[in-house]
Protein backbone atom coordinates (compact mmCIF):
# COMPACT_ATOMS: atom_id res chain seq x y z
CA UNK A 1 13.64 -21.80 -17.47
CA UNK A 2 11.72 -25.30 -17.33
CA UNK A 3 7.78 -25.55 -16.86
CA UNK A 4 6.04 -27.61 -14.50
CA UNK A 5 7.22 -26.24 -11.14
CA UNK A 6 4.97 -24.96 -8.33
CA UNK A 7 6.29 -22.33 -6.37
CA UNK A 8 6.77 -23.36 -2.63
CA UNK A 9 8.38 -22.15 0.42
CA UNK A 10 8.94 -18.28 1.11
CA UNK A 11 10.00 -15.26 -0.45
CA UNK A 12 10.85 -11.91 1.42
CA UNK A 13 9.84 -8.55 -0.32
CA UNK A 14 12.49 -5.56 -0.14
CA UNK A 15 11.57 -1.87 -0.49
CA UNK A 16 9.56 -0.67 -3.04
CA UNK A 17 11.30 0.63 -6.49
CA UNK A 18 8.55 3.08 -7.02
CA UNK A 19 8.91 4.47 -3.54
CA UNK A 20 12.82 4.07 -3.10
CA UNK A 21 13.53 5.97 -6.18
CA UNK A 22 11.70 9.07 -4.90
CA UNK A 23 12.84 8.73 -1.28
CA UNK A 24 16.10 9.17 -3.15
CA UNK A 25 15.28 12.42 -5.11
CA UNK A 26 13.60 13.59 -1.80
CA UNK A 27 17.37 13.64 -0.03
CA UNK A 28 18.12 16.53 -1.94
CA UNK A 29 16.14 18.75 -0.17
CA UNK A 30 18.36 18.65 2.77
CA UNK A 31 21.94 18.92 3.24
CA UNK A 32 23.91 16.21 4.88
CA UNK A 33 23.70 12.54 4.91
CA UNK A 34 20.34 10.44 4.69
CA UNK A 35 20.17 7.09 4.75
CA UNK A 36 17.73 4.83 3.39
CA UNK A 37 16.94 0.91 4.37
CA UNK A 38 15.55 -1.96 2.39
CA UNK A 39 16.43 -0.02 -1.19
CA UNK A 40 15.84 -2.74 -3.72
CA UNK A 41 19.14 -3.71 -5.47
CA UNK A 42 18.05 -3.16 -9.23
CA UNK A 43 19.26 -1.40 -12.11
CA UNK A 44 17.21 1.54 -11.58
CA UNK A 45 18.25 2.43 -8.18
CA UNK A 46 21.94 2.41 -9.45
CA UNK A 47 20.84 4.56 -12.48
CA UNK A 48 19.35 7.16 -9.70
CA UNK A 49 22.60 6.66 -7.48
CA UNK A 50 24.56 8.05 -10.55
CA UNK A 51 21.77 10.96 -11.35
CA UNK A 52 22.53 12.25 -7.66
CA UNK A 53 26.16 11.62 -7.75
CA UNK A 54 26.38 13.83 -11.03
CA UNK A 55 24.42 16.50 -8.96
CA UNK A 56 27.13 16.61 -6.48
CA UNK A 57 25.96 14.19 -3.92
CA UNK A 58 28.06 11.16 -2.94
CA UNK A 59 26.13 7.88 -3.14
CA UNK A 60 26.85 4.39 -1.45
CA UNK A 61 25.08 1.04 -1.71
CA UNK A 62 25.48 -1.35 1.09
CA UNK A 63 24.11 -4.96 0.04
CA UNK A 64 22.47 -6.64 2.92
CA UNK A 65 24.26 -10.02 3.51
CA UNK A 66 22.16 -13.02 3.40
CA UNK A 67 20.95 -14.06 6.58
CA UNK A 68 21.12 -17.47 8.48
CA UNK A 69 18.46 -20.01 7.09
CA UNK A 70 17.47 -17.71 3.96
CA UNK A 71 17.73 -19.78 0.86
CA UNK A 72 17.89 -16.80 -1.13
CA UNK A 73 18.79 -13.11 -0.90
CA UNK A 74 16.03 -10.32 -0.44
CA UNK A 75 17.92 -8.38 -2.87
CA UNK A 76 17.89 -5.44 -0.99
CA UNK A 77 20.55 -3.03 0.91
CA UNK A 78 21.07 0.35 2.43
CA UNK A 79 21.98 3.81 0.72
CA UNK A 80 23.92 6.27 1.96
CA UNK A 81 23.43 9.85 0.55
CA UNK A 82 25.51 12.90 1.25
CA UNK A 83 24.05 16.26 -0.16
CA UNK A 84 26.23 18.97 -0.45
CA UNK A 85 25.17 22.48 0.62
CA UNK A 86 24.73 23.64 -3.48
CA UNK A 87 23.98 20.57 -5.42
CA UNK A 88 24.16 21.09 -9.00
CA UNK A 89 20.72 21.83 -10.88
CA UNK A 90 21.17 19.89 -14.18
CA UNK A 91 20.70 16.34 -15.04
CA UNK A 92 22.50 14.67 -17.91
CA UNK A 93 20.46 13.35 -20.78
CA UNK A 94 22.30 9.85 -21.11
CA UNK A 95 20.93 9.07 -17.65
CA UNK A 96 17.37 10.77 -17.51
CA UNK A 97 16.60 9.09 -20.62
CA UNK A 98 16.98 5.55 -19.54
CA UNK A 99 14.64 6.18 -16.29
CA UNK A 100 11.46 7.81 -16.34
CA UNK A 101 11.39 8.43 -12.14
CA UNK A 102 14.50 10.49 -12.58
CA UNK A 103 12.10 13.43 -13.68
CA UNK A 104 11.17 13.48 -9.73
CA UNK A 105 14.46 15.32 -9.05
CA UNK A 106 12.82 18.03 -10.77
CA UNK A 107 10.50 19.47 -7.82
CA UNK A 108 13.36 19.13 -5.05
CA UNK A 109 15.92 20.78 -7.20
CA UNK A 110 13.55 23.65 -7.90
CA UNK A 111 12.47 24.16 -4.30
CA UNK A 112 16.10 24.08 -3.14
CA UNK A 113 17.90 25.83 -5.51
CA UNK A 114 15.17 28.06 -7.32
CA UNK A 115 16.43 26.35 -10.81
CA UNK A 116 16.55 23.06 -12.39
CA UNK A 117 17.43 21.67 -15.77
CA UNK A 118 16.20 18.15 -16.16
CA UNK A 119 16.33 15.85 -19.29
CA UNK A 120 12.95 14.98 -20.72
CA UNK A 121 12.55 11.34 -19.64
CA UNK A 122 12.42 8.04 -21.10
CA UNK A 123 11.64 4.43 -19.44
CA UNK A 124 9.27 1.78 -20.36
CA UNK A 125 7.39 1.71 -23.63
CA UNK A 126 3.64 1.16 -21.79
CA UNK A 127 2.05 4.44 -23.43
CA UNK A 128 1.53 8.08 -23.10
CA UNK A 129 2.72 9.61 -19.67
CA UNK A 130 3.01 12.98 -20.26
CA UNK A 131 4.72 16.18 -17.90
CA UNK A 132 2.00 18.40 -18.44
CA UNK A 133 0.68 17.92 -14.83
CA UNK A 134 4.06 18.43 -13.53
CA UNK A 135 4.68 21.53 -15.50
CA UNK A 136 1.14 22.99 -14.91
CA UNK A 137 1.47 22.32 -10.96
CA UNK A 138 5.06 23.98 -10.62
CA UNK A 139 3.83 27.04 -12.89
CA UNK A 140 0.67 27.17 -10.06
CA UNK A 141 3.54 27.31 -7.58
CA UNK A 142 5.37 30.11 -9.15
CA UNK A 143 7.92 28.63 -11.40
CA UNK A 144 8.47 29.47 -15.16
CA UNK A 145 8.75 26.32 -16.86
CA UNK A 146 10.17 26.07 -20.73
CA UNK A 147 11.00 22.98 -22.86
CA UNK A 148 14.27 23.85 -24.77
CA UNK A 149 16.64 21.32 -26.59
CA UNK A 150 15.45 18.08 -24.48
CA UNK A 151 15.33 19.53 -21.32
CA UNK A 152 12.61 20.93 -18.96
CA UNK A 153 14.08 24.29 -17.45
CA UNK A 154 12.38 25.43 -14.51
CA UNK A 155 13.21 28.65 -12.68
CA UNK A 156 11.36 30.23 -9.48
CA UNK A 157 13.20 32.51 -7.18
CA UNK A 158 10.55 31.63 -4.55
CA UNK A 159 7.83 28.91 -4.55
CA UNK A 160 4.45 30.30 -3.32
CA UNK A 161 1.87 27.90 -1.88
CA UNK A 162 -1.39 27.64 -3.89
CA UNK A 163 -4.32 25.27 -4.79
CA UNK A 164 -3.50 22.81 -7.37
CA UNK A 165 -5.90 20.34 -9.15
CA UNK A 166 -4.69 17.19 -11.07
CA UNK A 167 -6.67 15.87 -13.95
CA UNK A 168 -5.86 12.85 -13.09
CA UNK A 169 -4.39 11.49 -9.79
CA UNK A 170 -0.91 10.95 -11.44
CA UNK A 171 1.76 9.22 -8.88
CA UNK A 172 4.53 10.94 -10.54
CA UNK A 173 2.82 14.71 -10.55
CA UNK A 174 1.45 14.31 -6.83
CA UNK A 175 5.21 13.17 -5.77
CA UNK A 176 6.83 16.16 -7.81
CA UNK A 177 4.48 18.62 -6.65
CA UNK A 178 4.59 17.74 -2.65
CA UNK A 179 8.52 17.87 -2.91
CA UNK A 180 8.29 21.38 -4.27
CA UNK A 181 5.75 22.78 -2.30
CA UNK A 182 7.12 21.40 1.17
CA UNK A 183 9.86 24.36 1.14
CA UNK A 184 7.34 26.93 -0.51
CA UNK A 185 5.72 29.86 1.33
CA UNK A 186 2.79 29.22 2.87
CA UNK A 187 0.19 26.51 2.19
CA UNK A 188 -0.22 24.32 -0.89
CA UNK A 189 -3.45 22.14 -1.56
CA UNK A 190 -3.07 19.20 -4.07
CA UNK A 191 -6.37 18.09 -4.63
CA UNK A 192 -7.33 14.56 -6.81
CA UNK A 193 -3.68 13.45 -5.68
CA UNK A 194 -2.84 10.13 -5.99
CA UNK A 195 -3.32 7.59 -2.90
CA UNK A 196 -0.63 4.82 -3.54
CA UNK A 197 1.32 3.69 -0.87
CA UNK A 198 4.50 5.07 -2.25
CA UNK A 199 2.93 8.65 -1.77
CA UNK A 200 2.17 8.03 1.58
CA UNK A 201 5.69 6.64 2.02
CA UNK A 202 7.42 9.38 0.84
CA UNK A 203 5.03 11.81 2.69
CA UNK A 204 6.39 10.13 5.91
CA UNK A 205 9.86 10.77 4.94
CA UNK A 206 9.34 14.25 4.33
CA UNK A 207 7.77 14.53 7.65
CA UNK A 208 10.33 12.85 9.51
CA UNK A 209 12.56 15.42 7.78
CA UNK A 210 10.69 18.51 9.24
CA UNK A 211 7.89 18.98 6.50
CA UNK A 212 4.62 19.79 7.37
CA UNK A 213 1.85 17.18 5.19
CA UNK A 214 -1.59 16.22 6.19
CA UNK A 215 -3.80 14.08 3.85
CA UNK A 216 -1.10 11.46 2.44
CA UNK A 217 -3.38 8.41 1.29
CA UNK A 218 -6.35 10.59 0.30
CA UNK A 219 -7.16 12.62 -2.53
CA UNK A 220 -6.47 15.76 -0.83
CA UNK A 221 -2.83 16.44 0.44
CA UNK A 222 -2.15 19.45 2.40
CA UNK A 223 1.43 20.79 2.31
CA UNK A 224 2.50 23.84 5.00
CA UNK A 225 6.14 24.96 3.63
CA UNK A 226 8.68 25.20 6.04
CA UNK A 227 12.00 27.08 6.02
CA UNK A 228 14.35 23.93 5.93
CA UNK A 229 14.30 20.37 6.17
CA UNK A 230 16.75 18.08 7.87
CA UNK A 231 18.42 14.46 6.54
CA UNK A 232 17.09 11.57 7.98
CA UNK A 233 17.36 7.54 8.00
CA UNK A 234 14.54 6.05 6.91
CA UNK A 235 12.93 2.56 5.77
CA UNK A 236 11.42 1.92 2.45
CA UNK A 237 7.81 0.61 2.18
CA UNK A 238 7.71 -3.12 0.89
CA UNK A 239 7.07 -3.62 -2.60
CA UNK A 240 3.36 -4.18 -3.35
CA UNK A 241 4.15 -5.19 -7.12
CA UNK A 242 6.82 -7.51 -6.51
CA UNK A 243 4.83 -9.25 -3.84
CA UNK A 244 1.63 -9.53 -5.71
CA UNK A 245 3.62 -10.80 -8.60
CA UNK A 246 4.60 -13.58 -6.12
CA UNK A 247 0.92 -14.12 -4.98
CA UNK A 248 -0.14 -14.41 -8.63
CA UNK A 249 2.53 -16.81 -9.37
CA UNK A 250 1.71 -19.09 -6.30
CA UNK A 251 -2.10 -19.37 -7.70
CA UNK A 252 -0.71 -20.01 -11.17
CA UNK A 253 1.32 -23.04 -10.83
CA UNK A 254 -0.85 -24.10 -7.73
CA UNK A 255 1.95 -23.67 -5.47
CA UNK A 256 1.98 -22.51 -1.35
CA UNK A 257 4.12 -19.42 -1.03
CA UNK A 258 4.89 -17.16 2.05
CA UNK A 259 5.66 -13.73 0.89
CA UNK A 260 7.28 -12.34 3.68
CA UNK A 261 7.06 -8.31 3.91
CA UNK A 262 4.25 -8.05 1.85
CA UNK A 263 1.43 -5.83 3.45
CA UNK A 264 -2.00 -6.98 2.80
CA UNK A 265 -3.64 -3.55 2.70
CA UNK A 266 -1.82 -2.58 0.15
CA UNK A 267 -2.90 -5.34 -2.36
CA UNK A 268 -7.01 -5.34 -1.01
CA UNK A 269 -8.15 -6.41 -4.72
CA UNK A 270 -5.52 -8.28 -6.38
CA UNK A 271 -5.62 -10.35 -3.31
CA UNK A 272 -9.71 -10.56 -3.37
CA UNK A 273 -9.06 -11.61 -7.10
CA UNK A 274 -6.73 -14.47 -5.98
CA UNK A 275 -9.60 -15.66 -3.50
CA UNK A 276 -12.16 -15.40 -6.23
CA UNK A 277 -9.91 -17.65 -8.47
CA UNK A 278 -9.92 -20.14 -5.61
CA UNK A 279 -7.08 -19.51 -3.66
CA UNK A 280 -6.07 -19.66 0.27
CA UNK A 281 -5.00 -15.81 1.00
CA UNK A 282 -3.78 -15.59 4.64
CA UNK A 283 -2.54 -12.37 5.96
CA UNK A 284 -0.03 -13.17 8.91
CA UNK A 285 2.28 -10.89 10.88
CA UNK A 286 5.40 -11.60 8.66
CA UNK A 287 3.40 -11.10 5.46
CA UNK A 288 0.81 -13.20 3.33
CA UNK A 289 0.61 -16.66 2.73
CA UNK A 290 -1.04 -17.70 -0.72
CA UNK A 291 -1.40 -21.22 -1.85
CA UNK A 292 -3.51 -22.78 -4.47
CA UNK A 293 -4.75 -26.55 -4.95
CA UNK A 294 -6.96 -26.92 -8.35
CA UNK A 295 -6.71 -25.11 -11.46
CA UNK A 296 -7.58 -21.31 -10.79
CA UNK A 297 -11.38 -20.08 -11.88
CA UNK A 298 -10.97 -17.13 -14.45
CA UNK A 299 -11.71 -14.04 -12.93
CA UNK A 300 -12.19 -10.34 -14.74
CA UNK A 301 -9.55 -7.47 -13.96
CA UNK A 302 -10.11 -3.42 -14.14
CA UNK A 303 -7.13 -1.81 -13.48
CA UNK A 304 -7.60 1.62 -11.86
CA UNK A 305 -5.51 4.06 -9.87
CA UNK A 306 -4.86 2.76 -6.14
CA UNK A 307 -6.92 1.61 -4.06
CA UNK A 308 -7.83 -0.31 -7.38
CA UNK A 309 -6.18 -3.25 -9.23
CA UNK A 310 -2.55 -1.90 -10.19
CA UNK A 311 -1.74 -1.49 -13.91
CA UNK A 312 1.79 -2.89 -12.99
CA UNK A 313 -0.11 -6.22 -12.03
CA UNK A 314 -1.87 -6.28 -15.35
CA UNK A 315 0.35 -8.46 -17.28
CA UNK A 316 0.52 -10.95 -14.51
CA UNK A 317 -3.33 -10.94 -14.43
CA UNK A 318 -3.46 -11.58 -18.14
CA UNK A 319 -0.91 -14.89 -17.41
CA UNK A 320 -3.17 -16.10 -14.86
CA UNK A 321 -5.99 -15.94 -17.03
CA UNK A 322 -4.13 -17.44 -19.56
CA UNK A 323 -3.77 -20.71 -17.45
CA UNK A 324 -7.24 -20.49 -15.80
CA UNK A 325 -10.26 -22.48 -16.32
CA UNK A 326 -12.96 -20.35 -18.43
CA UNK A 327 -12.97 -16.86 -20.07
CA UNK A 328 -11.71 -13.41 -18.29
CA UNK A 329 -11.89 -9.92 -19.28
CA UNK A 330 -8.88 -7.92 -18.52
CA UNK A 331 -9.73 -3.97 -18.82
CA UNK A 332 -6.59 -1.69 -18.82
CA UNK A 333 -7.76 2.12 -18.02
CA UNK A 334 -4.36 3.52 -16.74
CA UNK A 335 -1.60 2.96 -19.76
CA UNK A 336 -2.67 2.02 -23.21
CA UNK A 337 0.18 0.27 -24.31
CA UNK A 338 0.26 -2.29 -21.46
CA UNK A 339 -1.21 -5.06 -23.88
CA UNK A 340 2.14 -4.82 -26.00
CA UNK A 341 3.46 -7.83 -24.64
CA UNK A 342 0.34 -10.10 -25.52
CA UNK A 343 1.61 -10.84 -28.56
CA UNK A 344 4.52 -12.87 -26.74
CA UNK A 345 2.19 -14.32 -24.54
CA UNK A 346 0.44 -15.74 -27.83
CA UNK A 347 3.70 -17.25 -28.90
CA UNK A 348 3.58 -19.50 -25.65
CA UNK A 349 -0.12 -20.65 -26.76
CA UNK A 350 -2.13 -18.18 -24.69
CA UNK A 351 -5.63 -17.35 -26.32
CA UNK A 352 -5.98 -13.33 -26.05
CA UNK A 353 -8.01 -10.98 -28.07
CA UNK A 354 -7.37 -7.58 -27.85
CA UNK A 355 -10.27 -5.09 -28.34
CA UNK A 356 -9.12 -1.50 -27.48
CA UNK A 357 -8.28 -1.54 -23.95
CA UNK A 358 -9.96 -4.86 -23.37
CA UNK A 359 -8.19 -8.01 -23.69
CA UNK A 360 -10.31 -11.30 -23.83
CA UNK A 361 -8.31 -14.32 -22.25
CA UNK A 362 -9.73 -17.90 -22.83
CA UNK A 363 -7.83 -19.98 -20.22
CA UNK A 364 -6.16 -23.30 -21.40
CA UNK A 365 -4.49 -25.81 -18.94
CA UNK A 366 -1.18 -25.60 -20.34
CA UNK A 367 1.08 -23.34 -22.64
CA UNK A 368 3.61 -24.25 -24.82
CA UNK A 369 7.59 -23.16 -24.68
CA UNK A 370 8.94 -20.71 -27.24
CA UNK A 371 11.33 -18.02 -26.92
CA UNK A 372 9.64 -14.68 -25.82
CA UNK A 373 10.67 -10.98 -25.65
CA UNK A 374 10.27 -8.79 -22.53
CA UNK A 375 8.95 -5.28 -23.57
CA UNK A 376 8.89 -3.88 -19.88
CA UNK A 377 9.76 -4.60 -16.59
CA UNK A 378 5.92 -6.37 -15.87
CA UNK A 379 5.82 -7.80 -19.18
CA UNK A 380 8.79 -9.52 -18.58
CA UNK A 381 7.90 -10.82 -14.95
CA UNK A 382 4.49 -11.73 -16.34
CA UNK A 383 6.33 -14.03 -19.47
CA UNK A 384 8.35 -15.84 -16.58
CA UNK A 385 5.31 -16.72 -14.82
CA UNK A 386 3.65 -17.63 -17.93
CA UNK A 387 6.92 -19.84 -18.62
CA UNK A 388 6.47 -21.97 -15.41
CA UNK A 389 3.34 -23.24 -17.22
CA UNK A 390 4.53 -24.45 -20.34
CA UNK A 391 5.63 -27.95 -21.50
CA UNK A 392 9.07 -27.44 -21.62
CA UNK A 393 12.24 -25.06 -21.71
CA UNK A 394 10.97 -21.08 -22.29
CA UNK A 395 13.33 -18.27 -22.99
CA UNK A 396 12.65 -15.00 -21.94
CA UNK A 397 14.94 -12.50 -23.99
CA UNK A 398 15.77 -8.85 -22.98
CA UNK A 399 15.59 -9.80 -19.28
CA UNK A 400 17.51 -6.31 -18.51
CA UNK A 401 13.67 -4.74 -18.06
CA UNK A 402 13.09 -7.14 -15.27
CA UNK A 403 16.34 -6.53 -13.59
CA UNK A 404 14.80 -3.17 -13.40
CA UNK A 405 12.23 -3.91 -11.13
CA UNK A 406 12.82 -7.27 -9.26
CA UNK A 407 16.00 -7.78 -7.56
CA UNK A 408 17.24 -11.09 -6.95
CA UNK A 409 14.45 -12.70 -8.94
CA UNK A 410 16.19 -15.53 -10.66
CA UNK A 411 17.77 -16.63 -7.05
CA UNK A 412 14.42 -16.17 -5.06
CA UNK A 413 12.86 -18.31 -7.92
CA UNK A 414 15.36 -21.02 -7.57
CA UNK A 415 14.68 -20.77 -3.62
CA UNK A 416 11.28 -21.71 -4.52
CA UNK A 417 11.64 -24.85 -6.54
CA UNK A 418 11.91 -23.30 -10.12
CA UNK A 419 14.70 -24.36 -12.60
CA UNK A 420 16.28 -21.21 -14.12
CA UNK A 421 19.23 -20.02 -15.45
CA UNK A 422 20.43 -16.88 -16.96
CA UNK A 423 22.32 -17.58 -20.36
CA UNK A 424 23.75 -13.91 -20.75
CA UNK A 425 23.95 -11.41 -18.65
CA UNK A 426 21.87 -8.22 -19.24
CA UNK A 427 23.91 -4.85 -20.44
């Protein structure tokens, strides 16, 4: 990509990766066809599609055509999932190791079939993300869970409602336990539950399927078990991380961008930080407009579970600080490995010092072009944004990571004024 381009125009955000993958897993809870709209056309969705196929489901992805007047695609589509009466209970290692979100089939399979054998997952190298809370919660519901030969094997003739306290408001554990609890006998209360919009989205879909859930979006979720669920048609919530990435990019490049589909309420803290940096932020009926005229001011950021500043936007926050006026302190409280990409940002001339879970970033007017390596989804996006502030051509390698989280990213960048090409397709 060539530096010096301001992001100007409009981009449209499709459904959230971190929601769509769990909605696909939730389809396992009901026999028949579930239809999901606004699903991002990304690698992780296609991996999850194959996970479901090998469980016996029929899965079709239908890409949306380019709408009249659109300069670039949104990268969204429709997923049709046909779930058999008796799906398989075992997932394949070769797929699960490629994507951590595939562990989300564990809860639905145990609830539906009374047994599940799920390979221990892989995913991004951003720090420790153990499955202890998933396992402890399922055991509280009455399941027996063992770890054998790289698989989690859970069995439960019948799950029974109970009270569960999560040591940390884990999104994945909350989702898995809620999906298990919807078919359990009696009432389950999950305390210290995650509050993210993706949790609310999952609970809304489950409710549409016939589940009885209260408290989604709060720290206490109550689930009253039902005998069965029905398949539904449902639209995925817009991706707040992709929307936040575009918003930060507009500020970094001193651009003017309308992010269609962005939900301002899902980005309260990040948008407040951009206002503090000097940006104009205008929530609109169709999304959010973000504009910046001058060089941004440095702002401190502390990542926290929702409604705090999301850890998935931390690399973009570091990239913003790297070109801002002044010094920013970025504190990472969620994933200890999030700063792995900083060495790559330093190759672009950024002035960043790491001390434990803190990064001190002294802003520079301009960065310098260099080849850099994407270490995970969000780090890759952050490096692309940083490349827009360099003095030449920057090459971001291993962009397969970015492909996992940002549908039609290159096409949308071109649509808002960026000179960017892909020199080799990701594997």
